[in-house]
C-alpha atoms as a PDB file:
ATOM      1  CA  MET A   1     156.101  41.843  67.455  1.00  0.00           C
ATOM      2  CA  PRO A   2     157.970  41.085  70.705  1.00  0.00           C
ATOM      3  CA  ASP A   3     158.156  43.837  73.287  1.00  0.00           C
ATOM      4  CA  LEU A   4     161.824  44.650  73.805  1.00  0.00           C
ATOM      5  CA  PHE A   5     161.364  47.368  76.344  1.00  0.00           C
ATOM      6  CA  GLN A   6     160.092  45.654  79.475  1.00  0.00           C
ATOM      7  CA  SER A   7     161.658  46.961  82.675  1.00  0.00           C
ATOM      8  CA  ASP A   8     164.004  44.867  84.758  1.00  0.00           C
ATOM      9  CA  LYS A   9     162.153  42.939  87.473  1.00  0.00           C
ATOM     10  CA  LYS A  10     164.484  44.418  90.046  1.00  0.00           C
ATOM     11  CA  GLU A  11     163.323  47.891  89.069  1.00  0.00           C
ATOM     12  CA  SER A  12     159.652  47.304  89.759  1.00  0.00           C
ATOM     13  CA  GLY A  13     157.258  45.250  91.824  1.00  0.00           C
ATOM     14  CA  SER A  14     158.353  43.920  95.191  1.00  0.00           C
ATOM     15  CA  TYR A  15     161.887  45.350  95.058  1.00  0.00           C
ATOM     16  CA  TRP A  16     160.907  49.023  94.993  1.00  0.00           C
ATOM     17  CA  LYS A  17     157.840  48.421  97.161  1.00  0.00           C
ATOM     18  CA  ASP A  18     160.126  47.065  99.864  1.00  0.00           C
ATOM     19  CA  VAL A  19     162.452  50.069  99.515  1.00  0.00           C
ATOM     20  CA  TRP A  20     159.479  52.442  99.620  1.00  0.00           C
ATOM     21  CA  ILE A  21     158.055  50.838 102.785  1.00  0.00           C
ATOM     22  CA  ARG A  22     161.446  51.099 104.461  1.00  0.00           C
ATOM     23  CA  PHE A  23     161.599  54.768 103.443  1.00  0.00           C
ATOM     24  CA  LYS A  24     158.167  55.391 104.968  1.00  0.00           C
ATOM     25  CA  ASP A  25     159.406  53.741 108.164  1.00  0.00           C
ATOM     26  CA  GLY A  26     162.236  56.265 108.371  1.00  0.00           C
ATOM     27  CA  ASP A  27     165.090  54.306 106.778  1.00  0.00           C
ATOM     28  CA  VAL A  28     167.533  56.966 105.511  1.00  0.00           C
ATOM     29  CA  LYS A  29     169.353  54.425 103.352  1.00  0.00           C
ATOM     30  CA  ALA A  30     166.106  53.580 101.578  1.00  0.00           C
ATOM     31  CA  PHE A  31     165.554  57.260 100.794  1.00  0.00           C
ATOM     32  CA  GLU A  32     169.073  57.492  99.384  1.00  0.00           C
ATOM     33  CA  MET A  33     168.347  54.445  97.196  1.00  0.00           C
ATOM     34  CA  ILE A  34     165.171  56.041  95.834  1.00  0.00           C
ATOM     35  CA  TYR A  35     166.944  59.328  95.179  1.00  0.00           C
ATOM     36  CA  GLY A  36     170.038  57.747  93.645  1.00  0.00           C
ATOM     37  CA  GLY A  37     167.971  55.372  91.566  1.00  0.00           C
ATOM     38  CA  HIS A  38     165.904  58.093  89.913  1.00  0.00           C
ATOM     39  CA  VAL A  39     167.672  61.459  89.972  1.00  0.00           C
ATOM     40  CA  ASP A  40     169.664  61.014  86.737  1.00  0.00           C
ATOM     41  CA  PHE A  41     166.630  59.963  84.747  1.00  0.00           C
ATOM     42  CA  LEU A  42     164.520  62.765  86.217  1.00  0.00           C
ATOM     43  CA  TYR A  43     167.160  65.263  85.133  1.00  0.00           C
ATOM     44  CA  SER A  44     167.298  63.778  81.629  1.00  0.00           C
ATOM     45  CA  TYR A  45     163.501  63.800  81.406  1.00  0.00           C
ATOM     46  CA  GLY A  46     163.185  67.319  82.781  1.00  0.00           C
ATOM     47  CA  THR A  47     165.751  68.887  80.472  1.00  0.00           C
ATOM     48  CA  LYS A  48     163.701  67.688  77.529  1.00  0.00           C
ATOM     49  CA  MET A  49     160.815  69.827  78.722  1.00  0.00           C
ATOM     50  CA  THR A  50     162.889  72.933  79.442  1.00  0.00           C
ATOM     51  CA  SER A  51     166.432  74.099  78.807  1.00  0.00           C
ATOM     52  CA  ASP A  52     166.459  75.800  82.215  1.00  0.00           C
ATOM     53  CA  THR A  53     168.597  73.288  84.114  1.00  0.00           C
ATOM     54  CA  GLU A  54     168.273  75.190  87.385  1.00  0.00           C
ATOM     55  CA  LEU A  55     164.502  74.898  87.150  1.00  0.00           C
ATOM     56  CA  VAL A  56     164.809  71.150  86.592  1.00  0.00           C
ATOM     57  CA  GLU A  57     167.140  70.802  89.570  1.00  0.00           C
ATOM     58  CA  ASP A  58     164.733  72.837  91.716  1.00  0.00           C
ATOM     59  CA  ALA A  59     161.848  70.590  90.666  1.00  0.00           C
ATOM     60  CA  ILE A  60     163.840  67.480  91.593  1.00  0.00           C
ATOM     61  CA  GLN A  61     164.683  68.987  94.976  1.00  0.00           C
ATOM     62  CA  ASP A  62     161.054  69.978  95.590  1.00  0.00           C
ATOM     63  CA  LEU A  63     159.906  66.472  94.697  1.00  0.00           C
ATOM     64  CA  PHE A  64     162.155  64.737  97.195  1.00  0.00           C
ATOM     65  CA  LEU A  65     161.503  67.327  99.894  1.00  0.00           C
ATOM     66  CA  TYR A  66     157.797  66.672  99.365  1.00  0.00           C
ATOM     67  CA  LEU A  67     158.346  62.929  99.688  1.00  0.00           C
ATOM     68  CA  LEU A  68     160.279  63.435 102.928  1.00  0.00           C
ATOM     69  CA  SER A  69     157.715  65.771 104.420  1.00  0.00           C
ATOM     70  CA  ARG A  70     154.757  63.552 103.499  1.00  0.00           C
ATOM     71  CA  LYS A  71     156.226  60.080 103.841  1.00  0.00           C
ATOM     72  CA  ASP A  72     153.889  59.112 106.690  1.00  0.00           C
ATOM     73  CA  LYS A  73     150.834  59.899 104.578  1.00  0.00           C
ATOM     74  CA  LEU A  74     152.008  58.512 101.240  1.00  0.00           C
ATOM     75  CA  SER A  75     150.513  55.258  99.971  1.00  0.00           C
ATOM     76  CA  VAL A  76     152.551  52.400  98.535  1.00  0.00           C
ATOM     77  CA  PRO A  77     152.419  52.743  94.721  1.00  0.00           C
ATOM     78  CA  ASP A  78     152.234  49.749  92.397  1.00  0.00           C
ATOM     79  CA  SER A  79     155.007  51.320  90.300  1.00  0.00           C
ATOM     80  CA  LEU A  80     157.409  53.635  92.099  1.00  0.00           C
ATOM     81  CA  ARG A  81     158.972  54.757  88.834  1.00  0.00           C
ATOM     82  CA  PHE A  82     155.597  55.828  87.473  1.00  0.00           C
ATOM     83  CA  TYR A  83     154.686  57.541  90.740  1.00  0.00           C
ATOM     84  CA  ILE A  84     157.917  59.552  90.840  1.00  0.00           C
ATOM     85  CA  LEU A  85     157.875  60.511  87.154  1.00  0.00           C
ATOM     86  CA  LYS A  86     154.265  61.673  87.290  1.00  0.00           C
ATOM     87  CA  ALA A  87     154.819  63.699  90.463  1.00  0.00           C
ATOM     88  CA  PHE A  88     158.008  65.216  89.064  1.00  0.00           C
ATOM     89  CA  LYS A  89     156.341  66.224  85.800  1.00  0.00           C
ATOM     90  CA  ARG A  90     153.521  67.944  87.680  1.00  0.00           C
ATOM     91  CA  ILE A  91     155.970  69.930  89.820  1.00  0.00           C
ATOM     92  CA  LEU A  92     158.150  70.865  86.859  1.00  0.00           C
ATOM     93  CA  LEU A  93     155.238  71.972  84.669  1.00  0.00           C
ATOM     94  CA  GLU A  94     153.951  74.156  87.495  1.00  0.00           C
ATOM     95  CA  LYS A  95     157.355  75.836  87.648  1.00  0.00           C
ATOM     96  CA  ILE A  96     157.529  76.195  83.869  1.00  0.00           C
ATOM     97  CA  SER A  97     154.075  77.769  83.825  1.00  0.00           C
ATOM     98  CA  LYS A  98     154.951  80.123  86.669  1.00  0.00           C
ATOM     99  CA  GLU A  99     158.146  81.215  84.907  1.00  0.00           C
ATOM    100  CA  LYS A 100     156.159  81.634  81.671  1.00  0.00           C
ATOM    101  CA  LEU A 101     158.598  79.337  79.862  1.00  0.00           C
ATOM    102  CA  TRP A 102     155.758  77.590  78.084  1.00  0.00           C
ATOM    103  CA  LEU A 103     154.204  80.064  75.676  1.00  0.00           C
ATOM    104  CA  LYS A 104     150.429  80.222  75.943  1.00  0.00           C
ATOM    105  CA  ASP A 105     149.994  80.883  72.234  1.00  0.00           C
ATOM    106  CA  ARG A 106     151.394  77.487  71.269  1.00  0.00           C
ATOM    107  CA  ASP A 107     149.180  75.435  68.974  1.00  0.00           C
ATOM    108  CA  SER A 108     149.513  72.378  71.205  1.00  0.00           C
ATOM    109  CA  ASP A 109     148.056  71.868  74.671  1.00  0.00           C
ATOM    110  CA  PHE A 110     151.168  69.850  75.476  1.00  0.00           C
ATOM    111  CA  PRO A 111     154.441  71.384  76.686  1.00  0.00           C
ATOM    112  CA  PRO A 112     157.452  71.232  74.369  1.00  0.00           C
ATOM    113  CA  PHE A 113     159.532  68.074  74.532  1.00  0.00           C
ATOM    114  CA  ASP A 114     162.966  68.232  72.915  1.00  0.00           C
ATOM    115  CA  TYR A 115     164.061  64.679  72.186  1.00  0.00           C
ATOM    116  CA  SER A 116     166.454  63.393  69.567  1.00  0.00           C
ATOM    117  CA  ILE A 117     167.798  59.896  69.010  1.00  0.00           C
ATOM    118  CA  GLU A 118     171.522  59.441  69.443  1.00  0.00           C
ATOM    119  CA  PHE A 119     173.096  56.874  67.146  1.00  0.00           C
ATOM    120  CA  ASP A 120     176.321  55.025  67.674  1.00  0.00           C
ATOM    121  CA  SER A 121     178.367  55.743  64.549  1.00  0.00           C
ATOM    122  CA  SER A 122     179.397  52.082  64.378  1.00  0.00           C
ATOM    123  CA  PHE A 123     175.751  51.121  63.857  1.00  0.00           C
ATOM    124  CA  PHE A 124     175.884  52.164  60.223  1.00  0.00           C
ATOM    125  CA  PHE A 125     179.424  50.966  59.593  1.00  0.00           C
ATOM    126  CA  ASN A 126     180.460  52.299  56.171  1.00  0.00           C
ATOM    127  CA  GLU A 127     176.993  53.219  54.985  1.00  0.00           C
ATOM    128  CA  LYS A 128     176.196  56.789  54.093  1.00  0.00           C
ATOM    129  CA  GLU A 129     175.093  59.025  56.932  1.00  0.00           C
ATOM    130  CA  LYS A 130     172.047  60.000  54.930  1.00  0.00           C
ATOM    131  CA  LYS A 131     169.970  57.421  56.771  1.00  0.00           C
ATOM    132  CA  ILE A 132     170.922  58.944  60.111  1.00  0.00           C
ATOM    133  CA  GLU A 133     169.903  62.356  58.825  1.00  0.00           C
ATOM    134  CA  LEU A 134     166.578  60.981  57.620  1.00  0.00           C
ATOM    135  CA  ILE A 135     165.756  59.460  60.994  1.00  0.00           C
ATOM    136  CA  GLU A 136     166.853  62.553  62.898  1.00  0.00           C
ATOM    137  CA  GLU A 137     164.658  64.652  60.633  1.00  0.00           C
ATOM    138  CA  LEU A 138     161.766  62.250  61.125  1.00  0.00           C
ATOM    139  CA  VAL A 139     162.041  62.528  64.918  1.00  0.00           C
ATOM    140  CA  LYS A 140     162.207  66.325  64.712  1.00  0.00           C
ATOM    141  CA  GLN A 141     158.904  66.312  62.830  1.00  0.00           C
ATOM    142  CA  LEU A 142     157.105  64.441  65.618  1.00  0.00           C
ATOM    143  CA  ASP A 143     154.988  66.600  67.886  1.00  0.00           C
ATOM    144  CA  SER A 144     155.942  66.997  71.547  1.00  0.00           C
ATOM    145  CA  ARG A 145     153.458  64.406  72.761  1.00  0.00           C
ATOM    146  CA  LYS A 146     154.784  61.718  70.413  1.00  0.00           C
ATOM    147  CA  LYS A 147     158.376  62.516  71.327  1.00  0.00           C
ATOM    148  CA  GLU A 148     157.551  62.131  75.003  1.00  0.00           C
ATOM    149  CA  VAL A 149     155.782  58.818  74.439  1.00  0.00           C
ATOM    150  CA  ILE A 150     158.719  57.474  72.425  1.00  0.00           C
ATOM    151  CA  PHE A 151     161.211  58.641  75.034  1.00  0.00           C
ATOM    152  CA  LEU A 152     159.296  57.134  77.950  1.00  0.00           C
ATOM    153  CA  ARG A 153     158.744  53.832  76.182  1.00  0.00           C
ATOM    154  CA  PHE A 154     162.336  53.381  75.067  1.00  0.00           C
ATOM    155  CA  TYR A 155     164.068  54.685  78.161  1.00  0.00           C
ATOM    156  CA  SER A 156     161.843  54.249  81.216  1.00  0.00           C
ATOM    157  CA  GLY A 157     160.508  50.730  80.858  1.00  0.00           C
ATOM    158  CA  LEU A 158     157.032  51.935  81.872  1.00  0.00           C
ATOM    159  CA  SER A 159     153.902  50.174  80.676  1.00  0.00           C
ATOM    160  CA  TYR A 160     151.649  51.779  78.084  1.00  0.00           C
ATOM    161  CA  ASP A 161     149.065  52.310  80.830  1.00  0.00           C
ATOM    162  CA  ASP A 162     151.555  54.327  82.875  1.00  0.00           C
ATOM    163  CA  ILE A 163     152.861  56.244  79.859  1.00  0.00           C
ATOM    164  CA  GLY A 164     149.337  57.164  78.827  1.00  0.00           C
ATOM    165  CA  ASN A 165     148.619  58.385  82.354  1.00  0.00           C
ATOM    166  CA  ILE A 166     151.756  60.565  82.456  1.00  0.00           C
ATOM    167  CA  VAL A 167     151.285  62.036  78.981  1.00  0.00           C
ATOM    168  CA  GLY A 168     147.508  62.355  79.280  1.00  0.00           C
ATOM    169  CA  ILE A 169     146.372  60.010  76.510  1.00  0.00           C
ATOM    170  CA  GLN A 170     144.823  56.556  76.209  1.00  0.00           C
ATOM    171  CA  PRO A 171     147.262  53.617  76.544  1.00  0.00           C
ATOM    172  CA  SER A 172     146.154  52.355  73.132  1.00  0.00           C
ATOM    173  CA  SER A 173     147.084  55.716  71.598  1.00  0.00           C
ATOM    174  CA  ALA A 174     150.525  55.570  73.188  1.00  0.00           C
ATOM    175  CA  LYS A 175     151.071  52.090  71.784  1.00  0.00           C
ATOM    176  CA  LYS A 176     150.008  53.165  68.299  1.00  0.00           C
ATOM    177  CA  MET A 177     152.424  56.103  68.423  1.00  0.00           C
ATOM    178  CA  VAL A 178     155.345  53.829  69.275  1.00  0.00           C
ATOM    179  CA  TYR A 179     154.673  51.254  66.586  1.00  0.00           C
ATOM    180  CA  ARG A 180     153.887  53.811  63.900  1.00  0.00           C
ATOM    181  CA  THR A 181     157.193  55.522  64.626  1.00  0.00           C
ATOM    182  CA  ILE A 182     159.034  52.206  64.500  1.00  0.00           C
ATOM    183  CA  SER A 183     157.328  51.453  61.191  1.00  0.00           C
ATOM    184  CA  SER A 184     158.525  54.758  59.750  1.00  0.00           C
ATOM    185  CA  PHE A 185     162.062  53.884  60.825  1.00  0.00           C
ATOM    186  CA  ARG A 186     161.670  50.482  59.216  1.00  0.00           C
ATOM    187  CA  ASP A 187     160.972  52.069  55.844  1.00  0.00           C
ATOM    188  CA  ILE A 188     164.334  53.821  56.015  1.00  0.00           C
ATOM    189  CA  LEU A 189     166.332  50.992  57.530  1.00  0.00           C
ATOM    190  CA  LYS A 190     164.874  47.827  56.028  1.00  0.00           C
ATOM    191  CA  PRO A 191     168.254  46.049  55.757  1.00  0.00           C
ATOM    192  CA  LYS A 192     169.063  46.844  59.383  1.00  0.00           C
ATOM    193  CA  ILE A 193     165.761  46.589  61.204  1.00  0.00           C
ATOM    194  CA  ALA A 194     167.082  43.937  63.616  1.00  0.00           C
ATOM    195  CA  GLU A 195     170.018  46.168  64.495  1.00  0.00           C
ATOM    196  CA  LEU A 196     167.611  49.087  64.986  1.00  0.00           C
ATOM    197  CA  PHE A 197     165.717  47.220  67.680  1.00  0.00           C
ATOM    198  CA  LEU A 198     169.030  46.190  69.230  1.00  0.00           C
ATOM    199  CA  LEU A 199     170.083  49.834  69.231  1.00  0.00           C
ATOM    200  CA  PHE A 200     166.992  50.896  71.156  1.00  0.00           C
ATOM    201  CA  THR A 201     167.395  47.967  73.532  1.00  0.00           C
ATOM    202  CA  ARG A 202     170.964  49.050  74.300  1.00  0.00           C
ATOM    203  CA  SER A 203     169.863  52.665  74.685  1.00  0.00           C
ATOM    204  CA  SER A 204     167.067  51.731  77.049  1.00  0.00           C
ATOM    205  CA  GLN A 205     169.471  49.565  79.057  1.00  0.00           C
ATOM    206  CA  LYS A 206     171.845  52.513  79.541  1.00  0.00           C
ATOM    207  CA  ILE A 207     169.061  54.606  81.016  1.00  0.00           C
ATOM    208  CA  SER A 208     167.701  51.628  82.904  1.00  0.00           C
ATOM    209  CA  ASP A 209     171.081  51.158  84.572  1.00  0.00           C
ATOM    210  CA  GLN A 210     170.718  54.632  86.048  1.00  0.00           C
ATOM    211  CA  PHE A 211     167.735  53.404  88.073  1.00  0.00           C
ATOM    212  CA  LYS A 212     169.877  50.659  89.600  1.00  0.00           C
ATOM    213  CA  LYS A 213     172.611  52.945  90.932  1.00  0.00           C
END
């Protein structure tokens, strides 16, 4: 099965490494590029872990203040997107824990992750909306860890190695989660499986565009 969710070359590798090095050298424009290229996605990611938007905004601010204060000591990451997402999640979870927004009596060791798939109504044309309801219900039944893996894979362009590192699981487990979820969608949408992949590709591109701003 072809991988439809590879990140744009401009968003990784030498492009962001160059921006990061310029930031470490004191280039204010480079810092603005890093901030502008990631803030929207960080907010979207953070608000899926907590409904407290002020807490998410505080975590984003703390992250970039940390980067500014430590820029001389920071190494050059292989993937800036991974580096920023992992650091942001750590800061946000510390705030969530401090505010006691993550109940300790939860069955899961993973924080809640509220993610639902948004469908373009034109995708189903004149077909009954029952299929949409089935998929939405299927996603709701996924545990928080699976929802986070699906979200990161479809919308961040990160590798399975990076996703596994952020979520705290083996890369192979992350990959299995993605393809098992896709398979469950396929059972519902057999006549439109090609369009389903196109839908996710378009969705991931929308989020991906936020990194380019």
